[in-house]
């Protein structure tokens, strides 16, 4: 059966089929309210790019006015490419994906969560003009298996307009972890499995036996919960099982970390569920207003990476030092490519090692400050959204510019 398409007249097709990347880069952002949207705009303006946005959604439906705004902006603004996060703005049957392909419009989705759960085995979004940018290089084989011929490794980054400061001499607290406990998400995932107790039992058995690792999870959960059980589930149930595993494993790690460090007076912020473990603190912190000063006013900030990242690092690794905060983070492989480890970032491989490093660095504020300054210099010189857009532009130009796919 022929896949449905948005009709493009020959006149419209010619109008949209214009040379890309011939002058200053022109980027169209599908604005979903994602916290990177404004950072992309600022970074592009710093680079001298032209930028436009149209409203879109991560989930739900676009209005008729939203669709009209998209088509009108494409025709009037004539972008070189479209940028969004986690395949936002794509419809369930792939009409927009086929439209961007027919219009010869490069469409870039920056995956900052596992693409396996976002794409959900849907291959209708793949075309020669679709670009899958992923923050976790371990998902590149999955994206290629879907059929993406353009897969670009694009780590996370910071926005200096939000995170920019030097380490202070006085601190409001010794120790803190800022992150979601995942307890609410876990409760919701367990509720979704009320009629599938065998899945809950399989996930918990795998966790108890130490088989839920970042490497195993990246490859897929079928071998973790058992092929027979996995094959018995429909697509929606498989996705829910993967969510359950991610939330339960990540929540266990973070709750264990906080409980282990309670005798050291740790504060935990990020969501209200931390009140079950700690009392006396307001849990929520606004990303745009509260987080940078909180990092800066904490002697030692802690990081724990979620299950879905085999090699990658999360936002804290960039945001915290850029804000002037000292960070000790779990030892992710990509850290060694992005930083000079131990000189610019301090790592741990176990909770006992973490406890020892906390005691060491609490007594050495000068060492902490020196590490922060080196890390901050690295982040501001290599790991901002401006740098990521520059890397993306360098990837797109030879593939879609006048010497790329446009020429027939």
Protein backbone atom coordinates (compact mmCIF):
# COMPACT_ATOMS: atom_id res chain seq x y z
CA UNK A 1 0.00 0.00 0.00
CA UNK A 2 1.31 3.47 -0.91
CA UNK A 3 2.17 5.58 2.13
CA UNK A 4 0.04 8.76 2.45
CA UNK A 5 1.77 11.99 1.45
CA UNK A 6 1.05 15.68 1.61
CA UNK A 7 0.43 16.79 -1.95
CA UNK A 8 3.07 19.10 -3.39
CA UNK A 9 2.32 20.67 -6.75
CA UNK A 10 5.22 20.91 -9.16
CA UNK A 11 5.26 24.67 -8.55
CA UNK A 12 5.49 24.19 -4.76
CA UNK A 13 8.15 21.53 -5.19
CA UNK A 14 10.33 23.83 -7.29
CA UNK A 15 9.72 26.72 -4.90
CA UNK A 16 10.94 24.67 -1.93
CA UNK A 17 13.79 23.00 -3.80
CA UNK A 18 16.29 25.84 -3.41
CA UNK A 19 20.06 25.56 -2.84
CA UNK A 20 20.98 25.05 0.82
CA UNK A 21 23.94 26.52 2.74
CA UNK A 22 24.88 29.10 0.12
CA UNK A 23 25.20 32.01 2.56
CA UNK A 24 24.84 32.54 6.32
CA UNK A 25 23.16 29.44 7.72
CA UNK A 26 19.40 29.68 8.19
CA UNK A 27 17.90 27.42 10.88
CA UNK A 28 14.23 26.77 11.61
CA UNK A 29 13.51 25.55 15.16
CA UNK A 30 10.36 23.57 15.91
CA UNK A 31 9.59 25.20 19.26
CA UNK A 32 8.10 22.65 21.65
CA UNK A 33 9.00 24.43 24.88
CA UNK A 34 11.97 22.07 25.31
CA UNK A 35 14.62 23.69 27.46
CA UNK A 36 17.17 23.75 24.59
CA UNK A 37 14.99 25.77 22.21
CA UNK A 38 16.00 29.24 23.45
CA UNK A 39 19.63 28.12 23.86
CA UNK A 40 19.75 27.11 20.19
CA UNK A 41 18.40 30.51 19.22
CA UNK A 42 21.00 32.37 21.28
CA UNK A 43 23.82 30.15 20.01
CA UNK A 44 22.78 30.60 16.38
CA UNK A 45 22.67 34.37 16.75
CA UNK A 46 26.17 34.32 18.23
CA UNK A 47 27.28 32.48 15.08
CA UNK A 48 25.66 35.07 12.84
CA UNK A 49 22.99 32.67 11.60
CA UNK A 50 19.44 33.57 10.65
CA UNK A 51 16.88 31.88 12.92
CA UNK A 52 13.13 31.38 12.88
CA UNK A 53 10.79 29.32 15.02
CA UNK A 54 7.35 27.81 14.60
CA UNK A 55 5.24 26.27 17.36
CA UNK A 56 5.24 22.49 17.60
CA UNK A 57 4.58 19.77 20.17
CA UNK A 58 6.47 16.90 21.77
CA UNK A 59 3.22 14.98 22.15
CA UNK A 60 -0.36 15.70 21.18
CA UNK A 61 -1.70 17.41 18.08
CA UNK A 62 -0.69 20.41 16.02
CA UNK A 63 -3.44 22.91 15.35
CA UNK A 64 -4.40 23.93 11.83
CA UNK A 65 -2.77 27.31 12.54
CA UNK A 66 0.46 25.59 13.63
CA UNK A 67 0.60 23.59 10.41
CA UNK A 68 -0.09 26.72 8.37
CA UNK A 69 2.68 28.57 10.23
CA UNK A 70 5.13 25.77 9.42
CA UNK A 71 4.36 25.80 5.69
CA UNK A 72 4.34 29.59 5.54
CA UNK A 73 7.69 29.88 7.35
CA UNK A 74 9.30 27.26 5.15
CA UNK A 75 8.20 29.18 2.05
CA UNK A 76 9.09 32.64 3.32
CA UNK A 77 12.14 32.03 5.53
CA UNK A 78 13.70 29.32 3.32
CA UNK A 79 15.75 27.58 6.01
CA UNK A 80 18.78 25.44 5.28
CA UNK A 81 17.56 22.90 7.82
CA UNK A 82 14.96 22.23 10.50
CA UNK A 83 16.03 21.38 14.07
CA UNK A 84 14.05 19.76 16.86
CA UNK A 85 14.51 17.40 19.83
CA UNK A 86 13.52 13.77 20.21
CA UNK A 87 11.57 13.74 16.94
CA UNK A 88 9.11 16.33 18.17
CA UNK A 89 6.61 17.58 15.63
CA UNK A 90 6.38 14.32 13.73
CA UNK A 91 2.95 12.85 13.13
CA UNK A 92 2.14 9.20 13.83
CA UNK A 93 1.91 8.16 10.16
CA UNK A 94 4.97 10.01 8.85
CA UNK A 95 3.26 12.63 6.68
CA UNK A 96 5.66 15.38 7.74
CA UNK A 97 8.69 13.13 7.30
CA UNK A 98 7.66 12.39 3.73
CA UNK A 99 6.88 16.07 3.17
CA UNK A 100 10.37 17.15 4.28
CA UNK A 101 11.83 14.50 1.99
CA UNK A 102 9.71 15.60 -0.98
CA UNK A 103 10.63 19.23 -0.27
CA UNK A 104 14.33 18.29 -0.01
CA UNK A 105 14.46 19.87 3.44
CA UNK A 106 17.05 18.50 5.90
CA UNK A 107 15.29 17.65 9.15
CA UNK A 108 17.55 17.19 12.19
CA UNK A 109 16.33 15.58 15.40
CA UNK A 110 18.70 15.75 18.36
CA UNK A 111 18.00 12.68 20.45
CA UNK A 112 18.67 13.37 24.13
CA UNK A 113 16.77 10.29 25.30
CA UNK A 114 16.97 6.76 23.99
CA UNK A 115 15.77 6.81 20.36
CA UNK A 116 14.58 3.24 20.70
CA UNK A 117 11.67 4.33 22.90
CA UNK A 118 11.00 7.51 20.92
CA UNK A 119 10.92 5.91 17.48
CA UNK A 120 9.26 2.79 18.85
CA UNK A 121 10.29 0.67 15.81
CA UNK A 122 8.69 3.16 13.41
CA UNK A 123 10.78 3.44 10.26
CA UNK A 124 8.43 5.72 8.31
CA UNK A 125 10.43 8.74 9.47
CA UNK A 126 13.58 7.68 7.65
CA UNK A 127 14.55 9.43 4.43
CA UNK A 128 17.66 10.72 2.72
CA UNK A 129 16.93 14.14 4.24
CA UNK A 130 16.43 12.89 7.81
CA UNK A 131 19.35 13.42 10.19
CA UNK A 132 19.49 11.61 13.52
CA UNK A 133 21.80 13.44 15.94
CA UNK A 134 22.40 11.47 19.12
CA UNK A 135 23.96 12.48 22.42
CA UNK A 136 24.80 8.81 23.10
CA UNK A 137 27.03 7.25 20.45
CA UNK A 138 26.04 3.75 21.54
CA UNK A 139 22.63 4.28 19.90
CA UNK A 140 24.15 4.92 16.47
CA UNK A 141 23.84 1.24 15.41
CA UNK A 142 20.15 1.28 16.36
CA UNK A 143 19.55 4.40 14.29
CA UNK A 144 21.41 2.92 11.35
CA UNK A 145 19.37 -0.27 11.69
CA UNK A 146 16.20 1.83 11.37
CA UNK A 147 17.58 3.01 8.04
CA UNK A 148 19.02 6.44 8.89
CA UNK A 149 21.90 7.13 6.54
CA UNK A 150 22.77 10.37 8.36
CA UNK A 151 23.68 9.71 12.01
CA UNK A 152 25.63 12.43 13.82
CA UNK A 153 27.18 12.17 17.29
CA UNK A 154 26.28 15.36 19.18
CA UNK A 155 26.97 15.43 22.94
CA UNK A 156 25.03 17.64 25.29
CA UNK A 157 26.29 21.17 26.03
CA UNK A 158 25.63 24.21 28.18
CA UNK A 159 24.22 27.67 27.62
CA UNK A 160 26.56 30.35 29.06
CA UNK A 161 23.64 32.78 29.16
CA UNK A 162 22.26 30.63 31.99
CA UNK A 163 25.34 28.92 33.45
CA UNK A 164 28.24 31.32 33.88
CA UNK A 165 30.07 32.11 37.10
CA UNK A 166 33.24 31.68 39.12
CA UNK A 167 33.57 29.57 42.29
CA UNK A 168 32.87 31.61 45.45
CA UNK A 169 34.83 31.54 48.69
CA UNK A 170 31.81 30.81 50.91
CA UNK A 171 29.16 28.11 50.49
CA UNK A 172 25.61 27.58 51.71
CA UNK A 173 26.00 23.80 51.97
CA UNK A 174 28.71 21.16 51.83
CA UNK A 175 27.08 18.49 49.71
CA UNK A 176 24.13 18.21 47.32
CA UNK A 177 22.63 16.10 44.56
CA UNK A 178 20.28 17.78 42.10
CA UNK A 179 18.27 15.32 40.06
CA UNK A 180 14.91 13.65 39.77
CA UNK A 181 14.42 10.75 42.17
CA UNK A 182 12.31 9.00 39.50
CA UNK A 183 10.03 7.72 42.25
CA UNK A 184 6.89 9.23 40.71
CA UNK A 185 7.78 7.91 37.26
CA UNK A 186 8.50 4.50 38.77
CA UNK A 187 5.12 4.45 40.52
CA UNK A 188 3.39 5.32 37.24
CA UNK A 189 5.33 2.62 35.39
CA UNK A 190 4.38 0.04 38.03
CA UNK A 191 0.72 1.08 37.74
CA UNK A 192 0.93 0.54 33.97
CA UNK A 193 2.04 -3.04 34.72
CA UNK A 194 -0.77 -3.86 37.13
CA UNK A 195 -1.97 -6.59 34.75
CA UNK A 196 1.56 -7.72 33.84
CA UNK A 197 3.11 -8.85 37.14
CA UNK A 198 5.41 -11.19 35.24
CA UNK A 199 7.15 -8.18 33.67
CA UNK A 200 7.61 -6.49 37.05
CA UNK A 201 9.00 -9.72 38.50
CA UNK A 202 11.40 -10.15 35.57
CA UNK A 203 12.71 -6.58 35.85
CA UNK A 204 13.18 -6.81 39.61
CA UNK A 205 14.90 -10.21 39.30
CA UNK A 206 17.28 -8.79 36.71
CA UNK A 207 18.05 -5.82 38.96
CA UNK A 208 18.65 -8.06 41.98
CA UNK A 209 20.95 -10.31 39.95
CA UNK A 210 22.97 -7.39 38.57
CA UNK A 211 21.98 -7.98 34.94
CA UNK A 212 20.57 -4.48 34.39
CA UNK A 213 23.65 -2.63 33.19
CA UNK A 214 23.98 0.40 30.96
CA UNK A 215 25.64 -1.70 28.27
CA UNK A 216 22.93 -4.37 28.35
CA UNK A 217 20.13 -1.80 28.38
CA UNK A 218 21.58 -0.01 25.36
CA UNK A 219 21.45 -3.24 23.36
CA UNK A 220 17.79 -3.78 24.25
CA UNK A 221 15.87 -5.31 27.14
CA UNK A 222 14.84 -8.61 25.53
CA UNK A 223 17.91 -10.47 26.73
CA UNK A 224 17.54 -8.94 30.21
CA UNK A 225 13.94 -9.98 30.91
CA UNK A 226 14.09 -13.08 28.70
CA UNK A 227 13.34 -13.55 25.02
CA UNK A 228 10.19 -15.59 25.62
CA UNK A 229 8.61 -12.96 27.86
CA UNK A 230 9.66 -10.13 25.56
CA UNK A 231 8.22 -11.88 22.50
CA UNK A 232 4.89 -12.33 24.30
CA UNK A 233 4.46 -8.55 24.70
CA UNK A 234 2.99 -6.19 22.14
CA UNK A 235 4.87 -3.07 21.05
CA UNK A 236 3.27 -0.80 23.66
CA UNK A 237 3.98 -3.30 26.44
CA UNK A 238 7.62 -3.60 25.35
CA UNK A 239 8.05 0.15 25.49
CA UNK A 240 6.43 0.28 28.94
CA UNK A 241 8.72 -2.51 30.15
CA UNK A 242 11.73 -0.53 28.96
CA UNK A 243 10.47 2.58 30.76
CA UNK A 244 9.94 0.55 33.93
CA UNK A 245 13.49 -0.78 33.81
CA UNK A 246 14.98 2.66 33.19
CA UNK A 247 13.03 4.32 36.00
CA UNK A 248 13.55 1.55 38.54
CA UNK A 249 17.29 1.18 37.93
CA UNK A 250 17.95 4.93 37.87
CA UNK A 251 15.78 5.52 40.95
CA UNK A 252 17.54 2.78 42.88
CA UNK A 253 20.96 4.24 42.04
CA UNK A 254 20.01 7.76 43.05
CA UNK A 255 18.14 6.80 46.22
CA UNK A 256 21.03 4.53 47.25
CA UNK A 257 23.48 7.38 46.66
CA UNK A 258 21.50 9.81 48.82
CA UNK A 259 20.91 7.26 51.59
CA UNK A 260 24.61 6.36 51.64
CA UNK A 261 25.56 10.01 52.08
CA UNK A 262 22.93 10.97 54.65
CA UNK A 263 25.52 10.86 57.49
CA UNK A 264 27.52 13.49 55.58
CA UNK A 265 24.56 15.87 55.51
CA UNK A 266 23.65 15.66 51.83
CA UNK A 267 20.84 17.78 50.40
CA UNK A 268 18.79 16.31 47.54
CA UNK A 269 16.80 18.53 45.18
CA UNK A 270 14.89 17.93 42.00
CA UNK A 271 11.39 16.73 42.85
CA UNK A 272 9.08 16.46 45.84
CA UNK A 273 9.69 12.75 46.36
CA UNK A 274 13.04 13.45 47.99
CA UNK A 275 10.97 14.53 51.02
CA UNK A 276 10.40 10.84 51.70
CA UNK A 277 14.12 10.54 52.51
CA UNK A 278 15.09 14.07 53.54
CA UNK A 279 13.08 16.77 55.24
CA UNK A 280 13.58 20.48 55.64
CA UNK A 281 14.48 21.33 52.05
CA UNK A 282 12.44 22.78 49.22
CA UNK A 283 12.96 20.12 46.56
CA UNK A 284 12.26 21.85 43.27
CA UNK A 285 14.76 24.09 41.51
CA UNK A 286 14.01 26.01 38.33
CA UNK A 287 16.47 25.12 35.58
CA UNK A 288 16.66 28.65 34.16
CA UNK A 289 16.75 30.69 37.37
CA UNK A 290 17.67 28.58 40.41
CA UNK A 291 20.08 25.90 39.29
CA UNK A 292 23.21 27.92 38.48
CA UNK A 293 23.34 29.77 41.82
CA UNK A 294 22.59 26.52 43.65
CA UNK A 295 25.52 24.74 41.96
CA UNK A 296 27.79 27.69 42.72
CA UNK A 297 26.80 27.92 46.38
CA UNK A 298 27.39 24.19 47.03
CA UNK A 299 30.88 23.05 48.02
CA UNK A 300 30.50 19.64 46.33
CA UNK A 301 27.82 18.78 43.78
CA UNK A 302 27.23 15.13 42.91
CA UNK A 303 26.18 13.48 39.66
CA UNK A 304 24.66 10.11 38.83
CA UNK A 305 23.96 9.18 35.19
CA UNK A 306 20.74 7.44 34.23
CA UNK A 307 20.56 3.89 32.88
CA UNK A 308 19.95 4.97 29.27
CA UNK A 309 23.46 6.41 28.89
CA UNK A 310 26.10 3.76 28.28
CA UNK A 311 28.91 6.19 27.44
CA UNK A 312 27.38 9.67 27.39
CA UNK A 313 27.34 12.36 30.04
CA UNK A 314 24.35 14.40 31.16
CA UNK A 315 23.72 18.13 31.53
CA UNK A 316 25.25 18.45 35.02
CA UNK A 317 28.72 17.69 33.68
CA UNK A 318 28.59 20.86 31.58
CA UNK A 319 26.19 23.11 33.49
CA UNK A 320 27.72 22.73 36.95
CA UNK A 321 31.31 23.83 36.22
CA UNK A 322 30.12 26.52 33.79
CA UNK A 323 28.11 27.95 36.69
CA UNK A 324 31.18 27.87 38.93
CA UNK A 325 30.24 24.70 40.81
CA UNK A 326 32.49 21.79 41.79
CA UNK A 327 31.26 18.37 40.62
CA UNK A 328 32.06 14.75 41.41
CA UNK A 329 30.46 12.48 38.83
CA UNK A 330 30.16 8.78 38.11
CA UNK A 331 32.83 7.65 35.68
CA UNK A 332 31.29 7.67 32.20
CA UNK A 333 33.45 6.74 29.17
CA UNK A 334 32.73 9.97 27.26
CA UNK A 335 34.18 12.04 30.09
CA UNK A 336 37.63 10.96 28.96
CA UNK A 337 37.02 12.35 25.47
CA UNK A 338 35.41 15.59 26.60
CA UNK A 339 37.59 16.53 29.60
CA UNK A 340 40.97 15.99 31.15
CA UNK A 341 39.72 13.65 33.87
CA UNK A 342 40.86 14.36 37.44
CA UNK A 343 42.33 17.72 36.37
CA UNK A 344 38.99 19.09 35.11
CA UNK A 345 36.45 16.65 36.52
CA UNK A 346 36.55 14.28 39.48
CA UNK A 347 35.02 10.82 39.06
CA UNK A 348 33.99 7.86 41.19
CA UNK A 349 33.33 4.19 40.45
CA UNK A 350 31.72 3.15 43.73
CA UNK A 351 29.96 4.71 46.71
CA UNK A 352 32.88 4.02 49.10
CA UNK A 353 35.25 5.75 46.66
CA UNK A 354 32.80 8.63 46.41
CA UNK A 355 32.69 8.98 50.19
CA UNK A 356 36.48 9.12 50.36
CA UNK A 357 36.69 11.77 47.64
CA UNK A 358 34.03 13.88 49.32
CA UNK A 359 36.01 13.86 52.58
CA UNK A 360 39.20 14.69 50.69
CA UNK A 361 37.83 17.62 48.68
CA UNK A 362 35.78 19.13 51.50
CA UNK A 363 39.09 19.82 53.23
CA UNK A 364 40.71 21.34 50.11
CA UNK A 365 38.73 24.33 48.80
CA UNK A 366 41.72 25.61 46.80
CA UNK A 367 41.97 22.33 44.87
CA UNK A 368 38.24 22.42 44.21
CA UNK A 369 38.41 25.97 42.91
CA UNK A 370 41.31 25.15 40.59
CA UNK A 371 39.44 22.15 39.14
CA UNK A 372 36.32 24.26 38.62
CA UNK A 373 38.25 26.95 36.78
CA UNK A 374 39.89 24.41 34.47
CA UNK A 375 36.58 22.63 33.83
CA UNK A 376 34.78 25.92 33.25
CA UNK A 377 37.42 27.01 30.74
CA UNK A 378 37.06 23.70 28.92
CA UNK A 379 33.26 23.91 28.80
CA UNK A 380 33.17 27.52 27.60
CA UNK A 381 35.80 26.83 24.93
CA UNK A 382 34.44 23.52 23.61
CA UNK A 383 31.08 22.48 25.05
CA UNK A 384 28.44 25.17 24.55
CA UNK A 385 25.44 25.04 22.24
CA UNK A 386 27.35 27.31 19.89
CA UNK A 387 30.01 24.62 19.52
CA UNK A 388 27.40 21.92 18.94
CA UNK A 389 25.69 23.97 16.23
CA UNK A 390 29.05 24.59 14.58
CA UNK A 391 29.68 20.84 14.54
CA UNK A 392 26.21 20.21 13.16
CA UNK A 393 26.72 22.78 10.42
CA UNK A 394 30.02 21.14 9.47
CA UNK A 395 28.19 17.80 9.23
CA UNK A 396 25.25 19.14 7.19
CA UNK A 397 27.01 21.37 4.66
CA UNK A 398 28.84 18.68 2.65
CA UNK A 399 25.75 16.46 2.65
CA UNK A 400 23.00 18.96 1.85
CA UNK A 401 24.74 22.06 0.51
CA UNK A 402 25.25 22.97 -3.11
CA UNK A 403 27.77 20.15 -3.43
CA UNK A 404 25.60 17.72 -1.50
CA UNK A 405 22.25 16.06 -2.07
CA UNK A 406 20.63 19.11 -3.65
CA UNK A 407 22.51 18.70 -6.91
CA UNK A 408 20.78 16.16 -9.18
